[in-house]
Amino acid sequence: MAALAHEMPELDEVVRQAWKAMELPEGYRAEIIEGAIEVSPTGHLSHARIVNRLRNALVHFLGEGEYAAYQHANVIFRRKGWIPDVFVAPEDLEPYADEDGIGVDAAAVRLIVEVVSPGERNQDRDRVRKRREYARAGIPVYVLIDDYDGQGALTLFTGPRPDKADWEDIHRVAYGTDITISKGPAKGFVIGEAITGPKRA
């Protein structure tokens, strides 16, 4: 019996294999967050509008350089897989593809932006669980665009602390105040009302 138990795959690997094999209905996505598969619907129209504005602005800002803005792609860290709303990584992703070719290694990702969706579960995912996951992975910059924080807020996280699953620097501003990316290939990129829209009523 001991020999059989010894041959069983680790739980993280079982979860990863199940995630890779999933076939979801159109309009849903699956991620592995803090060791569990989480299925969520794609965002509402307001969510899509912000994500589209953000990606378009980043594409223009980054130009024809060695980094590009991506969406609808997997970021892989160890046996976890996330689908950020937008992320910045090298234009040539081939050297950073994971072993199965289904995503890019988190080590290549320089910036992640999440746009919070309505609902307590969705808000907890982006504000808490993904915040911890991105810190654990050492993502240099994480930005949270949150329509549901007061009248809307932007939060910039820098200085990841993988050992603490937290961040050294956290800067939060209300919609209507610009936030500027302070490091990496998107350094100097401004997120403001042109992307988020005005403060919510």
C-alpha atoms as a PDB file:
ATOM      1  CA  MET A   1       0.000   0.000   0.000  1.00  0.00           C
ATOM      2  CA  ALA A   2       2.827   2.365   0.816  1.00  0.00           C
ATOM      3  CA  ALA A   3       4.253   1.876  -2.679  1.00  0.00           C
ATOM      4  CA  LEU A   4       0.893   2.753  -4.292  1.00  0.00           C
ATOM      5  CA  ALA A   5       0.515   5.909  -2.193  1.00  0.00           C
ATOM      6  CA  HIS A   6       4.041   6.935  -3.111  1.00  0.00           C
ATOM      7  CA  GLU A   7       3.227   6.742  -6.844  1.00  0.00           C
ATOM      8  CA  MET A   8       0.176   8.991  -6.696  1.00  0.00           C
ATOM      9  CA  PRO A   9       0.658  12.405  -8.354  1.00  0.00           C
ATOM     10  CA  GLU A  10       0.674  15.527  -6.223  1.00  0.00           C
ATOM     11  CA  LEU A  11      -2.683  17.258  -5.793  1.00  0.00           C
ATOM     12  CA  ASP A  12      -1.409  20.388  -7.591  1.00  0.00           C
ATOM     13  CA  GLU A  13      -0.595  18.254 -10.631  1.00  0.00           C
ATOM     14  CA  VAL A  14      -4.017  16.575 -10.557  1.00  0.00           C
ATOM     15  CA  VAL A  15      -5.682  20.017 -10.448  1.00  0.00           C
ATOM     16  CA  ARG A  16      -3.503  21.211 -13.347  1.00  0.00           C
ATOM     17  CA  GLN A  17      -4.361  18.158 -15.464  1.00  0.00           C
ATOM     18  CA  ALA A  18      -8.089  18.633 -14.774  1.00  0.00           C
ATOM     19  CA  TRP A  19      -7.798  22.333 -15.716  1.00  0.00           C
ATOM     20  CA  LYS A  20      -6.041  21.516 -18.993  1.00  0.00           C
ATOM     21  CA  ALA A  21      -8.745  18.986 -19.910  1.00  0.00           C
ATOM     22  CA  MET A  22     -11.714  21.281 -19.214  1.00  0.00           C
ATOM     23  CA  GLU A  23     -14.091  22.179 -22.025  1.00  0.00           C
ATOM     24  CA  LEU A  24     -16.241  25.125 -21.002  1.00  0.00           C
ATOM     25  CA  PRO A  25     -19.272  26.651 -22.692  1.00  0.00           C
ATOM     26  CA  GLU A  26     -18.575  29.834 -24.640  1.00  0.00           C
ATOM     27  CA  GLY A  27     -18.464  32.864 -22.377  1.00  0.00           C
ATOM     28  CA  TYR A  28     -16.694  31.130 -19.465  1.00  0.00           C
ATOM     29  CA  ARG A  29     -13.076  30.799 -18.436  1.00  0.00           C
ATOM     30  CA  ALA A  30     -11.227  28.668 -15.893  1.00  0.00           C
ATOM     31  CA  GLU A  31      -8.215  29.605 -13.790  1.00  0.00           C
ATOM     32  CA  ILE A  32      -6.238  27.899 -11.033  1.00  0.00           C
ATOM     33  CA  ILE A  33      -6.161  30.317  -8.108  1.00  0.00           C
ATOM     34  CA  GLU A  34      -4.588  29.336  -4.802  1.00  0.00           C
ATOM     35  CA  GLY A  35      -4.761  25.641  -5.641  1.00  0.00           C
ATOM     36  CA  ALA A  36      -8.389  25.446  -6.837  1.00  0.00           C
ATOM     37  CA  ILE A  37     -10.009  25.626 -10.267  1.00  0.00           C
ATOM     38  CA  GLU A  38     -12.289  28.633 -10.501  1.00  0.00           C
ATOM     39  CA  VAL A  39     -14.756  29.066 -13.356  1.00  0.00           C
ATOM     40  CA  SER A  40     -16.118  32.532 -14.065  1.00  0.00           C
ATOM     41  CA  PRO A  41     -18.093  34.205 -16.843  1.00  0.00           C
ATOM     42  CA  THR A  42     -16.442  36.716 -19.117  1.00  0.00           C
ATOM     43  CA  GLY A  43     -16.996  40.331 -18.082  1.00  0.00           C
ATOM     44  CA  HIS A  44     -19.988  42.597 -18.652  1.00  0.00           C
ATOM     45  CA  LEU A  45     -20.000  45.259 -21.375  1.00  0.00           C
ATOM     46  CA  SER A  46     -18.561  47.946 -19.058  1.00  0.00           C
ATOM     47  CA  HIS A  47     -15.748  45.536 -18.124  1.00  0.00           C
ATOM     48  CA  ALA A  48     -15.027  44.804 -21.804  1.00  0.00           C
ATOM     49  CA  ARG A  49     -15.015  48.523 -22.634  1.00  0.00           C
ATOM     50  CA  ILE A  50     -12.382  49.313 -19.971  1.00  0.00           C
ATOM     51  CA  VAL A  51     -10.223  46.307 -20.934  1.00  0.00           C
ATOM     52  CA  ASN A  52     -10.377  47.259 -24.610  1.00  0.00           C
ATOM     53  CA  ARG A  53      -9.465  50.916 -23.946  1.00  0.00           C
ATOM     54  CA  LEU A  54      -6.597  49.801 -21.714  1.00  0.00           C
ATOM     55  CA  ARG A  55      -5.145  47.331 -24.180  1.00  0.00           C
ATOM     56  CA  ASN A  56      -5.447  49.764 -27.103  1.00  0.00           C
ATOM     57  CA  ALA A  57      -3.689  52.480 -25.098  1.00  0.00           C
ATOM     58  CA  LEU A  58      -0.924  50.086 -24.047  1.00  0.00           C
ATOM     59  CA  VAL A  59      -0.400  48.898 -27.631  1.00  0.00           C
ATOM     60  CA  HIS A  60       0.023  52.537 -28.704  1.00  0.00           C
ATOM     61  CA  PHE A  61       2.310  53.310 -25.745  1.00  0.00           C
ATOM     62  CA  LEU A  62       4.559  50.261 -26.237  1.00  0.00           C
ATOM     63  CA  GLY A  63       4.804  50.853 -29.991  1.00  0.00           C
ATOM     64  CA  GLU A  64       7.017  48.512 -31.986  1.00  0.00           C
ATOM     65  CA  GLY A  65       9.347  47.702 -29.073  1.00  0.00           C
ATOM     66  CA  GLU A  66      10.231  44.336 -27.600  1.00  0.00           C
ATOM     67  CA  TYR A  67       7.186  44.260 -25.287  1.00  0.00           C
ATOM     68  CA  ALA A  68       3.507  43.906 -26.159  1.00  0.00           C
ATOM     69  CA  ALA A  69       0.094  43.979 -24.451  1.00  0.00           C
ATOM     70  CA  TYR A  70      -1.909  40.742 -24.335  1.00  0.00           C
ATOM     71  CA  GLN A  71      -5.356  39.580 -23.267  1.00  0.00           C
ATOM     72  CA  HIS A  72      -7.229  36.253 -23.350  1.00  0.00           C
ATOM     73  CA  ALA A  73      -4.017  34.317 -22.682  1.00  0.00           C
ATOM     74  CA  ASN A  74      -2.815  32.061 -19.872  1.00  0.00           C
ATOM     75  CA  VAL A  75      -0.076  33.116 -17.479  1.00  0.00           C
ATOM     76  CA  ILE A  76       1.509  30.060 -15.857  1.00  0.00           C
ATOM     77  CA  PHE A  77       3.224  29.993 -12.468  1.00  0.00           C
ATOM     78  CA  ARG A  78       4.304  26.569 -11.270  1.00  0.00           C
ATOM     79  CA  ARG A  79       1.112  24.503 -11.549  1.00  0.00           C
ATOM     80  CA  LYS A  80      -1.245  27.480 -11.527  1.00  0.00           C
ATOM     81  CA  GLY A  81      -2.809  29.234 -14.502  1.00  0.00           C
ATOM     82  CA  TRP A  82      -4.410  32.681 -14.643  1.00  0.00           C
ATOM     83  CA  ILE A  83      -6.086  34.672 -17.396  1.00  0.00           C
ATOM     84  CA  PRO A  84      -5.444  38.341 -16.572  1.00  0.00           C
ATOM     85  CA  ASP A  85      -7.564  40.980 -18.246  1.00  0.00           C
ATOM     86  CA  VAL A  86      -4.399  42.540 -19.725  1.00  0.00           C
ATOM     87  CA  PHE A  87      -0.714  41.831 -19.269  1.00  0.00           C
ATOM     88  CA  VAL A  88       2.590  43.064 -20.689  1.00  0.00           C
ATOM     89  CA  ALA A  89       5.242  40.554 -21.745  1.00  0.00           C
ATOM     90  CA  PRO A  90       7.861  40.203 -24.492  1.00  0.00           C
ATOM     91  CA  GLU A  91       6.637  40.493 -28.077  1.00  0.00           C
ATOM     92  CA  ASP A  92       8.308  37.146 -28.781  1.00  0.00           C
ATOM     93  CA  LEU A  93       6.624  34.789 -26.318  1.00  0.00           C
ATOM     94  CA  GLU A  94       8.061  31.578 -27.764  1.00  0.00           C
ATOM     95  CA  PRO A  95      11.073  31.397 -25.401  1.00  0.00           C
ATOM     96  CA  TYR A  96       8.718  31.884 -22.429  1.00  0.00           C
ATOM     97  CA  ALA A  97       6.033  29.350 -23.367  1.00  0.00           C
ATOM     98  CA  ASP A  98       5.291  26.745 -20.703  1.00  0.00           C
ATOM     99  CA  GLU A  99       6.093  23.087 -21.401  1.00  0.00           C
ATOM    100  CA  ASP A 100       2.600  22.388 -22.790  1.00  0.00           C
ATOM    101  CA  GLY A 101       2.480  25.496 -24.981  1.00  0.00           C
ATOM    102  CA  ILE A 102      -0.752  26.707 -23.364  1.00  0.00           C
ATOM    103  CA  GLY A 103       0.574  29.849 -21.716  1.00  0.00           C
ATOM    104  CA  VAL A 104       3.463  32.147 -20.923  1.00  0.00           C
ATOM    105  CA  ASP A 105       5.688  31.715 -17.867  1.00  0.00           C
ATOM    106  CA  ALA A 106       4.898  34.325 -15.202  1.00  0.00           C
ATOM    107  CA  ALA A 107       8.612  35.194 -15.023  1.00  0.00           C
ATOM    108  CA  ALA A 108       8.281  36.943 -18.403  1.00  0.00           C
ATOM    109  CA  VAL A 109       5.301  39.074 -17.362  1.00  0.00           C
ATOM    110  CA  ARG A 110       6.170  42.672 -16.406  1.00  0.00           C
ATOM    111  CA  LEU A 111       2.668  44.074 -15.685  1.00  0.00           C
ATOM    112  CA  ILE A 112      -0.784  42.642 -14.974  1.00  0.00           C
ATOM    113  CA  VAL A 113      -4.020  44.644 -14.904  1.00  0.00           C
ATOM    114  CA  GLU A 114      -7.311  43.263 -13.624  1.00  0.00           C
ATOM    115  CA  VAL A 115     -10.679  44.996 -14.024  1.00  0.00           C
ATOM    116  CA  VAL A 116     -12.987  43.962 -11.199  1.00  0.00           C
ATOM    117  CA  SER A 117     -16.307  42.381 -12.163  1.00  0.00           C
ATOM    118  CA  PRO A 118     -19.545  42.729 -10.173  1.00  0.00           C
ATOM    119  CA  GLY A 119     -20.349  40.259  -7.422  1.00  0.00           C
ATOM    120  CA  GLU A 120     -18.713  39.492  -4.093  1.00  0.00           C
ATOM    121  CA  ARG A 121     -16.939  36.375  -5.351  1.00  0.00           C
ATOM    122  CA  ASN A 122     -15.447  38.206  -8.358  1.00  0.00           C
ATOM    123  CA  GLN A 123     -14.356  41.143  -6.225  1.00  0.00           C
ATOM    124  CA  ASP A 124     -12.694  38.829  -3.695  1.00  0.00           C
ATOM    125  CA  ARG A 125     -10.859  37.032  -6.511  1.00  0.00           C
ATOM    126  CA  ASP A 126      -9.212  40.172  -7.934  1.00  0.00           C
ATOM    127  CA  ARG A 127      -8.812  42.182  -4.728  1.00  0.00           C
ATOM    128  CA  VAL A 128      -7.549  39.389  -2.495  1.00  0.00           C
ATOM    129  CA  ARG A 129      -6.707  36.026  -4.020  1.00  0.00           C
ATOM    130  CA  LYS A 130      -5.172  37.186  -7.303  1.00  0.00           C
ATOM    131  CA  ARG A 131      -3.375  39.980  -5.459  1.00  0.00           C
ATOM    132  CA  ARG A 132      -1.677  37.296  -3.334  1.00  0.00           C
ATOM    133  CA  GLU A 133      -1.005  35.020  -6.312  1.00  0.00           C
ATOM    134  CA  TYR A 134       0.635  37.765  -8.359  1.00  0.00           C
ATOM    135  CA  ALA A 135       2.828  38.715  -5.398  1.00  0.00           C
ATOM    136  CA  ARG A 136       3.856  35.060  -4.921  1.00  0.00           C
ATOM    137  CA  ALA A 137       4.821  34.916  -8.607  1.00  0.00           C
ATOM    138  CA  GLY A 138       6.937  38.087  -8.308  1.00  0.00           C
ATOM    139  CA  ILE A 139       4.949  40.023 -10.937  1.00  0.00           C
ATOM    140  CA  PRO A 140       6.663  43.463 -10.785  1.00  0.00           C
ATOM    141  CA  VAL A 141       3.523  45.593 -11.201  1.00  0.00           C
ATOM    142  CA  TYR A 142      -0.142  44.803 -10.577  1.00  0.00           C
ATOM    143  CA  VAL A 143      -2.915  47.324 -11.255  1.00  0.00           C
ATOM    144  CA  LEU A 144      -6.488  46.889 -10.077  1.00  0.00           C
ATOM    145  CA  ILE A 145      -9.232  48.905 -11.796  1.00  0.00           C
ATOM    146  CA  ASP A 146     -12.216  48.676  -9.483  1.00  0.00           C
ATOM    147  CA  ASP A 147     -15.618  50.121 -10.392  1.00  0.00           C
ATOM    148  CA  TYR A 148     -17.004  48.756  -7.116  1.00  0.00           C
ATOM    149  CA  ASP A 149     -14.589  50.415  -4.679  1.00  0.00           C
ATOM    150  CA  GLY A 150     -16.482  53.535  -3.586  1.00  0.00           C
ATOM    151  CA  GLN A 151     -17.022  55.692  -6.670  1.00  0.00           C
ATOM    152  CA  GLY A 152     -14.331  53.737  -8.484  1.00  0.00           C
ATOM    153  CA  ALA A 153     -10.657  53.340  -7.603  1.00  0.00           C
ATOM    154  CA  LEU A 154      -7.298  52.470  -9.126  1.00  0.00           C
ATOM    155  CA  THR A 155      -4.734  50.604  -7.031  1.00  0.00           C
ATOM    156  CA  LEU A 156      -1.090  50.232  -8.057  1.00  0.00           C
ATOM    157  CA  PHE A 157       0.865  47.406  -6.407  1.00  0.00           C
ATOM    158  CA  THR A 158       4.664  47.316  -6.763  1.00  0.00           C
ATOM    159  CA  GLY A 159       7.512  45.613  -4.919  1.00  0.00           C
ATOM    160  CA  PRO A 160       6.141  42.061  -4.729  1.00  0.00           C
ATOM    161  CA  ARG A 161       7.038  40.037  -1.622  1.00  0.00           C
ATOM    162  CA  PRO A 162       6.687  36.400  -2.725  1.00  0.00           C
ATOM    163  CA  ASP A 163       7.500  35.114   0.751  1.00  0.00           C
ATOM    164  CA  LYS A 164       4.659  37.164   2.261  1.00  0.00           C
ATOM    165  CA  ALA A 165       2.214  36.935  -0.686  1.00  0.00           C
ATOM    166  CA  ASP A 166       1.951  40.723  -0.447  1.00  0.00           C
ATOM    167  CA  TRP A 167       3.379  43.976  -1.787  1.00  0.00           C
ATOM    168  CA  GLU A 168       5.798  46.567  -0.414  1.00  0.00           C
ATOM    169  CA  ASP A 169       4.119  49.541  -2.085  1.00  0.00           C
ATOM    170  CA  ILE A 170       0.375  50.002  -2.518  1.00  0.00           C
ATOM    171  CA  HIS A 171      -0.970  53.252  -3.960  1.00  0.00           C
ATOM    172  CA  ARG A 172      -4.749  53.733  -4.265  1.00  0.00           C
ATOM    173  CA  VAL A 173      -6.502  56.683  -5.896  1.00  0.00           C
ATOM    174  CA  ALA A 174     -10.135  57.422  -6.703  1.00  0.00           C
ATOM    175  CA  TYR A 175     -11.355  57.567 -10.290  1.00  0.00           C
ATOM    176  CA  GLY A 176     -10.657  61.036 -11.613  1.00  0.00           C
ATOM    177  CA  THR A 177      -7.032  60.902 -10.438  1.00  0.00           C
ATOM    178  CA  ASP A 178      -4.420  59.479 -12.796  1.00  0.00           C
ATOM    179  CA  ILE A 179      -2.086  56.712 -11.796  1.00  0.00           C
ATOM    180  CA  THR A 180       1.269  56.296 -13.578  1.00  0.00           C
ATOM    181  CA  ILE A 181       3.132  53.010 -14.001  1.00  0.00           C
ATOM    182  CA  SER A 182       6.449  53.534 -12.256  1.00  0.00           C
ATOM    183  CA  LYS A 183       8.637  50.733 -13.604  1.00  0.00           C
ATOM    184  CA  GLY A 184       9.157  48.221 -16.367  1.00  0.00           C
ATOM    185  CA  PRO A 185       8.430  48.501 -20.103  1.00  0.00           C
ATOM    186  CA  ALA A 186       5.177  50.390 -19.385  1.00  0.00           C
ATOM    187  CA  LYS A 187       6.936  52.955 -17.170  1.00  0.00           C
ATOM    188  CA  GLY A 188       5.254  56.326 -17.686  1.00  0.00           C
ATOM    189  CA  PHE A 189       1.977  54.820 -18.925  1.00  0.00           C
ATOM    190  CA  VAL A 190      -0.975  56.713 -17.417  1.00  0.00           C
ATOM    191  CA  ILE A 191      -4.293  55.154 -16.426  1.00  0.00           C
ATOM    192  CA  GLY A 192      -7.028  57.739 -15.932  1.00  0.00           C
ATOM    193  CA  GLU A 193     -10.515  58.729 -17.037  1.00  0.00           C
ATOM    194  CA  ALA A 194      -9.761  58.074 -20.707  1.00  0.00           C
ATOM    195  CA  ILE A 195      -9.615  54.389 -19.723  1.00  0.00           C
ATOM    196  CA  THR A 196     -11.829  54.069 -16.640  1.00  0.00           C
ATOM    197  CA  GLY A 197     -14.425  56.700 -17.370  1.00  0.00           C
ATOM    198  CA  PRO A 198     -15.399  59.253 -14.677  1.00  0.00           C
ATOM    199  CA  LYS A 199     -16.203  58.638 -11.013  1.00  0.00           C
ATOM    200  CA  ARG A 200     -19.292  56.556 -10.454  1.00  0.00           C
ATOM    201  CA  ALA A 201     -22.363  58.271  -8.982  1.00  0.00           C
END
